[in-house]
């Protein structure tokens, strides 16, 4: 279900963070770690520490030093779309 959520914008706004997040360059290899969603106990990709993210797509807020993997990004968008449903 989460894979159906498209992340095709270079800058995305999500509920989990106050600023827009910019897509990491495809060849990034700086050891970033997913900061996971607020209230989550783990990253949905399984990142648990720095230098595990080689080849993992993600997004970043440079101002806050905040990174999210694509799975956590999709989960935040899914929650924002479906979290307040009344049906």
PDB file of N, CA and C in Angstrom:
ATOM      1  N   UNK A   1       0.814  -1.190   0.000  1.00  0.00           N
ATOM      2  CA  UNK A   1       0.000   0.000   0.000  1.00  0.00           C
ATOM      3  C   UNK A   1       0.866   1.266   0.000  1.00  0.00           C
ATOM      4  N   UNK A   2       1.941   1.269   0.803  1.00  0.00           N
ATOM      5  CA  UNK A   2       2.795   2.450   0.862  1.00  0.00           C
ATOM      6  C   UNK A   2       3.515   2.707  -0.456  1.00  0.00           C
ATOM      7  N   UNK A   3       3.817   1.650  -1.198  1.00  0.00           N
ATOM      8  CA  UNK A   3       4.520   1.825  -2.471  1.00  0.00           C
ATOM      9  C   UNK A   3       3.687   2.586  -3.485  1.00  0.00           C
ATOM     10  N   UNK A   4       2.385   2.635  -3.297  1.00  0.00           N
ATOM     11  CA  UNK A   4       1.510   3.358  -4.218  1.00  0.00           C
ATOM     12  C   UNK A   4       1.615   4.871  -4.048  1.00  0.00           C
ATOM     13  N   UNK A   5       2.159   5.322  -2.939  1.00  0.00           N
ATOM     14  CA  UNK A   5       2.325   6.755  -2.688  1.00  0.00           C
ATOM     15  C   UNK A   5       3.549   7.234  -3.450  1.00  0.00           C
ATOM     16  N   UNK A   6       3.333   8.154  -4.371  1.00  0.00           N
ATOM     17  CA  UNK A   6       4.418   8.639  -5.216  1.00  0.00           C
ATOM     18  C   UNK A   6       5.216   9.729  -4.518  1.00  0.00           C
ATOM     19  N   UNK A   7       6.523   9.632  -4.661  1.00  0.00           N
ATOM     20  CA  UNK A   7       7.447  10.632  -4.126  1.00  0.00           C
ATOM     21  C   UNK A   7       8.268  11.183  -5.284  1.00  0.00           C
ATOM     22  N   UNK A   8       7.612  11.859  -6.201  1.00  0.00           N
ATOM     23  CA  UNK A   8       8.305  12.312  -7.397  1.00  0.00           C
ATOM     24  C   UNK A   8       8.720  13.778  -7.343  1.00  0.00           C
ATOM     25  N   UNK A   9       8.431  14.444  -6.251  1.00  0.00           N
ATOM     26  CA  UNK A   9       8.811  15.855  -6.119  1.00  0.00           C
ATOM     27  C   UNK A   9      10.209  15.972  -5.504  1.00  0.00           C
ATOM     28  N   UNK A  10      11.025  16.917  -5.963  1.00  0.00           N
ATOM     29  CA  UNK A  10      12.356  17.087  -5.366  1.00  0.00           C
ATOM     30  C   UNK A  10      12.286  17.659  -3.951  1.00  0.00           C
ATOM     31  N   UNK A  11      11.203  18.369  -3.624  1.00  0.00           N
ATOM     32  CA  UNK A  11      11.001  18.907  -2.279  1.00  0.00           C
ATOM     33  C   UNK A  11       9.611  18.504  -1.821  1.00  0.00           C
ATOM     34  N   UNK A  12       9.531  17.940  -0.627  1.00  0.00           N
ATOM     35  CA  UNK A  12       8.259  17.428  -0.117  1.00  0.00           C
ATOM     36  C   UNK A  12       8.004  17.999   1.276  1.00  0.00           C
ATOM     37  N   UNK A  13       6.751  18.277   1.564  1.00  0.00           N
ATOM     38  CA  UNK A  13       6.317  18.702   2.894  1.00  0.00           C
ATOM     39  C   UNK A  13       5.556  17.550   3.526  1.00  0.00           C
ATOM     40  N   UNK A  14       5.923  17.215   4.748  1.00  0.00           N
ATOM     41  CA  UNK A  14       5.242  16.145   5.466  1.00  0.00           C
ATOM     42  C   UNK A  14       4.817  16.650   6.834  1.00  0.00           C
ATOM     43  N   UNK A  15       3.959  15.906   7.506  1.00  0.00           N
ATOM     44  CA  UNK A  15       3.499  16.290   8.844  1.00  0.00           C
ATOM     45  C   UNK A  15       4.566  16.117   9.907  1.00  0.00           C
ATOM     46  N   UNK A  16       5.485  15.186   9.715  1.00  0.00           N
ATOM     47  CA  UNK A  16       6.469  14.851  10.741  1.00  0.00           C
ATOM     48  C   UNK A  16       7.551  15.915  10.931  1.00  0.00           C
ATOM     49  N   UNK A  17       7.614  16.884  10.014  1.00  0.00           N
ATOM     50  CA  UNK A  17       8.693  17.878  10.108  1.00  0.00           C
ATOM     51  C   UNK A  17       8.185  19.247   9.646  1.00  0.00           C
ATOM     52  N   UNK A  18       8.699  20.293  10.257  1.00  0.00           N
ATOM     53  CA  UNK A  18       8.198  21.646   9.985  1.00  0.00           C
ATOM     54  C   UNK A  18       8.670  22.242   8.667  1.00  0.00           C
ATOM     55  N   UNK A  19       9.774  21.750   8.107  1.00  0.00           N
ATOM     56  CA  UNK A  19      10.309  22.290   6.856  1.00  0.00           C
ATOM     57  C   UNK A  19      10.143  21.273   5.722  1.00  0.00           C
ATOM     58  N   UNK A  20      10.264  21.787   4.498  1.00  0.00           N
ATOM     59  CA  UNK A  20      10.292  20.895   3.340  1.00  0.00           C
ATOM     60  C   UNK A  20      11.540  20.018   3.402  1.00  0.00           C
ATOM     61  N   UNK A  21      11.417  18.812   2.881  1.00  0.00           N
ATOM     62  CA  UNK A  21      12.556  17.903   2.791  1.00  0.00           C
ATOM     63  C   UNK A  21      12.953  17.774   1.328  1.00  0.00           C
ATOM     64  N   UNK A  22      14.247  17.797   1.070  1.00  0.00           N
ATOM     65  CA  UNK A  22      14.778  17.685  -0.295  1.00  0.00           C
ATOM     66  C   UNK A  22      15.267  16.268  -0.534  1.00  0.00           C
ATOM     67  N   UNK A  23      14.995  15.769  -1.728  1.00  0.00           N
ATOM     68  CA  UNK A  23      15.419  14.410  -2.073  1.00  0.00           C
ATOM     69  C   UNK A  23      16.940  14.326  -2.095  1.00  0.00           C
ATOM     70  N   UNK A  24      17.478  13.271  -1.487  1.00  0.00           N
ATOM     71  CA  UNK A  24      18.917  13.038  -1.534  1.00  0.00           C
ATOM     72  C   UNK A  24      19.346  12.787  -2.979  1.00  0.00           C
ATOM     73  N   UNK A  25      20.533  13.218  -3.351  1.00  0.00           N
ATOM     74  CA  UNK A  25      21.046  12.846  -4.670  1.00  0.00           C
ATOM     75  C   UNK A  25      21.153  11.320  -4.760  1.00  0.00           C
ATOM     76  N   UNK A  26      20.972  10.743  -5.949  1.00  0.00           N
ATOM     77  CA  UNK A  26      20.971   9.276  -6.065  1.00  0.00           C
ATOM     78  C   UNK A  26      22.291   8.618  -5.671  1.00  0.00           C
ATOM     79  N   UNK A  27      23.388   9.343  -5.752  1.00  0.00           N
ATOM     80  CA  UNK A  27      24.696   8.752  -5.456  1.00  0.00           C
ATOM     81  C   UNK A  27      25.224   9.123  -4.070  1.00  0.00           C
ATOM     82  N   UNK A  28      24.356   9.599  -3.184  1.00  0.00           N
ATOM     83  CA  UNK A  28      24.816  10.034  -1.866  1.00  0.00           C
ATOM     84  C   UNK A  28      25.346   8.841  -1.067  1.00  0.00           C
ATOM     85  N   UNK A  29      26.458   9.062  -0.414  1.00  0.00           N
ATOM     86  CA  UNK A  29      27.059   8.015   0.402  1.00  0.00           C
ATOM     87  C   UNK A  29      27.763   8.670   1.595  1.00  0.00           C
ATOM     88  N   UNK A  30      27.013   9.506   2.317  1.00  0.00           N
ATOM     89  CA  UNK A  30      27.622  10.233   3.429  1.00  0.00           C
ATOM     90  C   UNK A  30      27.292   9.628   4.787  1.00  0.00           C
ATOM     91  N   UNK A  31      26.634   8.479   4.802  1.00  0.00           N
ATOM     92  CA  UNK A  31      26.355   7.796   6.056  1.00  0.00           C
ATOM     93  C   UNK A  31      25.139   8.286   6.805  1.00  0.00           C
ATOM     94  N   UNK A  32      24.240   9.004   6.148  1.00  0.00           N
ATOM     95  CA  UNK A  32      23.056   9.531   6.834  1.00  0.00           C
ATOM     96  C   UNK A  32      22.253   8.399   7.459  1.00  0.00           C
ATOM     97  N   UNK A  33      21.516   8.725   8.498  1.00  0.00           N
ATOM     98  CA  UNK A  33      20.646   7.762   9.176  1.00  0.00           C
ATOM     99  C   UNK A  33      19.229   8.315   9.192  1.00  0.00           C
ATOM    100  N   UNK A  34      18.253   7.464   9.094  1.00  0.00           N
ATOM    101  CA  UNK A  34      16.850   7.881   9.125  1.00  0.00           C
ATOM    102  C   UNK A  34      16.484   8.299  10.554  1.00  0.00           C
ATOM    103  N   UNK A  35      15.887   9.478  10.682  1.00  0.00           N
ATOM    104  CA  UNK A  35      15.466   9.968  11.993  1.00  0.00           C
ATOM    105  C   UNK A  35      14.110   9.406  12.408  1.00  0.00           C
ATOM    106  N   UNK A  36      13.505   8.603  11.595  1.00  0.00           N
ATOM    107  CA  UNK A  36      12.203   7.948  11.771  1.00  0.00           C
ATOM    108  C   UNK A  36      11.119   8.942  12.162  1.00  0.00           C
ATOM    109  N   UNK A  37       9.894   8.511  12.054  1.00  0.00           N
ATOM    110  CA  UNK A  37       8.759   9.370  12.360  1.00  0.00           C
ATOM    111  C   UNK A  37       8.622   9.579  13.860  1.00  0.00           C
ATOM    112  N   UNK A  38       8.133  10.732  14.239  1.00  0.00           N
ATOM    113  CA  UNK A  38       7.896  11.012  15.656  1.00  0.00           C
ATOM    114  C   UNK A  38       6.954   9.958  16.223  1.00  0.00           C
ATOM    115  N   UNK A  39       7.321   9.388  17.330  1.00  0.00           N
ATOM    116  CA  UNK A  39       6.504   8.364  17.966  1.00  0.00           C
ATOM    117  C   UNK A  39       6.792   6.960  17.489  1.00  0.00           C
ATOM    118  N   UNK A  40       7.562   6.817  16.414  1.00  0.00           N
ATOM    119  CA  UNK A  40       7.900   5.485  15.895  1.00  0.00           C
ATOM    120  C   UNK A  40       9.066   4.909  16.690  1.00  0.00           C
ATOM    121  N   UNK A  41       9.077   3.614  16.824  1.00  0.00           N
ATOM    122  CA  UNK A  41      10.168   2.969  17.552  1.00  0.00           C
ATOM    123  C   UNK A  41      11.320   2.570  16.646  1.00  0.00           C
ATOM    124  N   UNK A  42      11.051   2.519  15.322  1.00  0.00           N
ATOM    125  CA  UNK A  42      12.128   2.158  14.404  1.00  0.00           C
ATOM    126  C   UNK A  42      11.864   2.714  13.016  1.00  0.00           C
ATOM    127  N   UNK A  43      12.909   2.761  12.231  1.00  0.00           N
ATOM    128  CA  UNK A  43      12.834   3.152  10.826  1.00  0.00           C
ATOM    129  C   UNK A  43      12.206   2.007  10.046  1.00  0.00           C
ATOM    130  N   UNK A  44      11.329   2.325   9.105  1.00  0.00           N
ATOM    131  CA  UNK A  44      10.653   1.295   8.334  1.00  0.00           C
ATOM    132  C   UNK A  44      11.564   0.585   7.330  1.00  0.00           C
ATOM    133  N   UNK A  45      12.693   1.181   6.994  1.00  0.00           N
ATOM    134  CA  UNK A  45      13.677   0.517   6.134  1.00  0.00           C
ATOM    135  C   UNK A  45      14.568  -0.402   6.953  1.00  0.00           C
ATOM    136  N   UNK A  46      14.643  -0.156   8.256  1.00  0.00           N
ATOM    137  CA  UNK A  46      15.481  -0.972   9.129  1.00  0.00           C
ATOM    138  C   UNK A  46      16.803  -0.328   9.486  1.00  0.00           C
ATOM    139  N   UNK A  47      16.982   0.951   9.121  1.00  0.00           N
ATOM    140  CA  UNK A  47      18.219   1.639   9.484  1.00  0.00           C
ATOM    141  C   UNK A  47      18.243   1.852  10.992  1.00  0.00           C
ATOM    142  N   UNK A  48      19.347   1.491  11.622  1.00  0.00           N
ATOM    143  CA  UNK A  48      19.469   1.624  13.076  1.00  0.00           C
ATOM    144  C   UNK A  48      20.639   2.493  13.498  1.00  0.00           C
ATOM    145  N   UNK A  49      21.504   2.845  12.555  1.00  0.00           N
ATOM    146  CA  UNK A  49      22.681   3.640  12.884  1.00  0.00           C
ATOM    147  C   UNK A  49      23.191   4.322  11.612  1.00  0.00           C
ATOM    148  N   UNK A  50      24.159   5.189  11.784  1.00  0.00           N
ATOM    149  CA  UNK A  50      24.777   5.851  10.650  1.00  0.00           C
ATOM    150  C   UNK A  50      25.572   4.839   9.820  1.00  0.00           C
ATOM    151  N   UNK A  51      25.822   5.175   8.567  1.00  0.00           N
ATOM    152  CA  UNK A  51      26.616   4.389   7.621  1.00  0.00           C
ATOM    153  C   UNK A  51      25.965   3.056   7.267  1.00  0.00           C
ATOM    154  N   UNK A  52      24.629   2.998   7.285  1.00  0.00           N
ATOM    155  CA  UNK A  52      23.890   1.836   6.804  1.00  0.00           C
ATOM    156  C   UNK A  52      23.024   2.210   5.599  1.00  0.00           C
ATOM    157  N   UNK A  53      23.097   3.454   5.160  1.00  0.00           N
ATOM    158  CA  UNK A  53      22.141   3.971   4.181  1.00  0.00           C
ATOM    159  C   UNK A  53      22.638   3.972   2.733  1.00  0.00           C
ATOM    160  N   UNK A  54      23.753   3.371   2.457  1.00  0.00           N
ATOM    161  CA  UNK A  54      24.263   3.357   1.087  1.00  0.00           C
ATOM    162  C   UNK A  54      23.223   2.719   0.165  1.00  0.00           C
ATOM    163  N   UNK A  55      22.826   3.456  -0.867  1.00  0.00           N
ATOM    164  CA  UNK A  55      21.854   2.971  -1.836  1.00  0.00           C
ATOM    165  C   UNK A  55      20.399   3.092  -1.394  1.00  0.00           C
ATOM    166  N   UNK A  56      20.154   3.634  -0.209  1.00  0.00           N
ATOM    167  CA  UNK A  56      18.789   3.801   0.304  1.00  0.00           C
ATOM    168  C   UNK A  56      18.305   5.200  -0.075  1.00  0.00           C
ATOM    169  N   UNK A  57      17.185   5.317  -0.793  1.00  0.00           N
ATOM    170  CA  UNK A  57      16.669   6.646  -1.121  1.00  0.00           C
ATOM    171  C   UNK A  57      16.119   7.342   0.121  1.00  0.00           C
ATOM    172  N   UNK A  58      16.320   8.635   0.175  1.00  0.00           N
ATOM    173  CA  UNK A  58      15.826   9.383   1.323  1.00  0.00           C
ATOM    174  C   UNK A  58      15.663  10.860   1.034  1.00  0.00           C
ATOM    175  N   UNK A  59      15.220  11.576   2.044  1.00  0.00           N
ATOM    176  CA  UNK A  59      14.984  13.022   1.978  1.00  0.00           C
ATOM    177  C   UNK A  59      15.642  13.693   3.168  1.00  0.00           C
ATOM    178  N   UNK A  60      15.972  14.991   3.018  1.00  0.00           N
ATOM    179  CA  UNK A  60      16.726  15.697   4.051  1.00  0.00           C
ATOM    180  C   UNK A  60      16.263  17.133   4.222  1.00  0.00           C
ATOM    181  N   UNK A  61      16.282  17.589   5.476  1.00  0.00           N
ATOM    182  CA  UNK A  61      16.166  19.005   5.812  1.00  0.00           C
ATOM    183  C   UNK A  61      17.550  19.457   6.248  1.00  0.00           C
ATOM    184  N   UNK A  62      18.190  20.221   5.407  1.00  0.00           N
ATOM    185  CA  UNK A  62      19.557  20.679   5.693  1.00  0.00           C
ATOM    186  C   UNK A  62      19.588  21.569   6.928  1.00  0.00           C
ATOM    187  N   UNK A  63      18.570  22.423   7.096  1.00  0.00           N
ATOM    188  CA  UNK A  63      18.542  23.348   8.228  1.00  0.00           C
ATOM    189  C   UNK A  63      18.536  22.634   9.578  1.00  0.00           C
ATOM    190  N   UNK A  64      17.853  21.514   9.649  1.00  0.00           N
ATOM    191  CA  UNK A  64      17.667  20.801  10.921  1.00  0.00           C
ATOM    192  C   UNK A  64      18.505  19.532  11.044  1.00  0.00           C
ATOM    193  N   UNK A  65      19.275  19.197   9.998  1.00  0.00           N
ATOM    194  CA  UNK A  65      20.024  17.952   9.996  1.00  0.00           C
ATOM    195  C   UNK A  65      19.086  16.770  10.246  1.00  0.00           C
ATOM    196  N   UNK A  66      17.989  16.729   9.483  1.00  0.00           N
ATOM    197  CA  UNK A  66      16.928  15.742   9.648  1.00  0.00           C
ATOM    198  C   UNK A  66      16.792  14.956   8.358  1.00  0.00           C
ATOM    199  N   UNK A  67      16.837  13.629   8.456  1.00  0.00           N
ATOM    200  CA  UNK A  67      16.734  12.762   7.285  1.00  0.00           C
ATOM    201  C   UNK A  67      15.647  11.716   7.501  1.00  0.00           C
ATOM    202  N   UNK A  68      14.946  11.373   6.426  1.00  0.00           N
ATOM    203  CA  UNK A  68      13.975  10.281   6.442  1.00  0.00           C
ATOM    204  C   UNK A  68      14.186   9.405   5.214  1.00  0.00           C
ATOM    205  N   UNK A  69      14.088   8.102   5.408  1.00  0.00           N
ATOM    206  CA  UNK A  69      14.124   7.195   4.267  1.00  0.00           C
ATOM    207  C   UNK A  69      12.791   7.304   3.528  1.00  0.00           C
ATOM    208  N   UNK A  70      12.745   6.781   2.314  1.00  0.00           N
ATOM    209  CA  UNK A  70      11.507   6.861   1.529  1.00  0.00           C
ATOM    210  C   UNK A  70      10.358   6.112   2.179  1.00  0.00           C
ATOM    211  N   UNK A  71      10.615   4.995   2.838  1.00  0.00           N
ATOM    212  CA  UNK A  71       9.532   4.249   3.475  1.00  0.00           C
ATOM    213  C   UNK A  71       8.899   5.056   4.602  1.00  0.00           C
ATOM    214  N   UNK A  72       9.716   5.722   5.399  1.00  0.00           N
ATOM    215  CA  UNK A  72       9.171   6.554   6.480  1.00  0.00           C
ATOM    216  C   UNK A  72       8.446   7.774   5.906  1.00  0.00           C
ATOM    217  N   UNK A  73       8.959   8.319   4.792  1.00  0.00           N
ATOM    218  CA  UNK A  73       8.262   9.424   4.121  1.00  0.00           C
ATOM    219  C   UNK A  73       6.882   8.981   3.673  1.00  0.00           C
ATOM    220  N   UNK A  74       6.818   7.829   3.018  1.00  0.00           N
ATOM    221  CA  UNK A  74       5.535   7.319   2.539  1.00  0.00           C
ATOM    222  C   UNK A  74       4.575   7.048   3.701  1.00  0.00           C
ATOM    223  N   UNK A  75       5.092   6.537   4.796  1.00  0.00           N
ATOM    224  CA  UNK A  75       4.241   6.261   5.956  1.00  0.00           C
ATOM    225  C   UNK A  75       3.645   7.548   6.507  1.00  0.00           C
ATOM    226  N   UNK A  76       4.431   8.618   6.573  1.00  0.00           N
ATOM    227  CA  UNK A  76       3.904   9.893   7.063  1.00  0.00           C
ATOM    228  C   UNK A  76       2.799  10.409   6.142  1.00  0.00           C
ATOM    229  N   UNK A  77       3.010  10.312   4.842  1.00  0.00           N
ATOM    230  CA  UNK A  77       1.995  10.762   3.882  1.00  0.00           C
ATOM    231  C   UNK A  77       0.743   9.903   4.003  1.00  0.00           C
ATOM    232  N   UNK A  78       0.913   8.593   4.133  1.00  0.00           N
ATOM    233  CA  UNK A  78      -0.221   7.684   4.298  1.00  0.00           C
ATOM    234  C   UNK A  78      -1.026   8.045   5.550  1.00  0.00           C
ATOM    235  N   UNK A  79      -0.337   8.287   6.653  1.00  0.00           N
ATOM    236  CA  UNK A  79      -1.015   8.655   7.902  1.00  0.00           C
ATOM    237  C   UNK A  79      -1.762   9.973   7.743  1.00  0.00           C
ATOM    238  N   UNK A  80      -1.147  10.938   7.063  1.00  0.00           N
ATOM    239  CA  UNK A  80      -1.809  12.229   6.893  1.00  0.00           C
ATOM    240  C   UNK A  80      -3.044  12.108   6.014  1.00  0.00           C
ATOM    241  N   UNK A  81      -3.036  11.185   5.055  1.00  0.00           N
ATOM    242  CA  UNK A  81      -4.192  11.004   4.164  1.00  0.00           C
ATOM    243  C   UNK A  81      -5.283  10.185   4.845  1.00  0.00           C
ATOM    244  N   UNK A  82      -4.910   9.125   5.527  1.00  0.00           N
ATOM    245  CA  UNK A  82      -5.881   8.168   6.050  1.00  0.00           C
ATOM    246  C   UNK A  82      -6.074   8.220   7.561  1.00  0.00           C
ATOM    247  N   UNK A  83      -5.239   8.965   8.266  1.00  0.00           N
ATOM    248  CA  UNK A  83      -5.293   8.964   9.717  1.00  0.00           C
ATOM    249  C   UNK A  83      -6.526   9.598  10.324  1.00  0.00           C
ATOM    250  N   UNK A  84      -7.156  10.507   9.631  1.00  0.00           N
ATOM    251  CA  UNK A  84      -8.318  11.213  10.182  1.00  0.00           C
ATOM    252  C   UNK A  84      -9.619  10.820   9.500  1.00  0.00           C
ATOM    253  N   UNK A  85      -9.642   9.678   8.859  1.00  0.00           N
ATOM    254  CA  UNK A  85     -10.853   9.248   8.160  1.00  0.00           C
ATOM    255  C   UNK A  85     -11.946   8.901   9.163  1.00  0.00           C
ATOM    256  N   UNK A  86     -13.161   9.150   8.772  1.00  0.00           N
ATOM    257  CA  UNK A  86     -14.307   8.868   9.637  1.00  0.00           C
ATOM    258  C   UNK A  86     -15.171   7.742   9.103  1.00  0.00           C
ATOM    259  N   UNK A  87     -14.738   7.085   8.028  1.00  0.00           N
ATOM    260  CA  UNK A  87     -15.551   6.011   7.468  1.00  0.00           C
ATOM    261  C   UNK A  87     -15.085   4.727   8.024  1.00  0.00           C
TER     262      UNK A  87
END
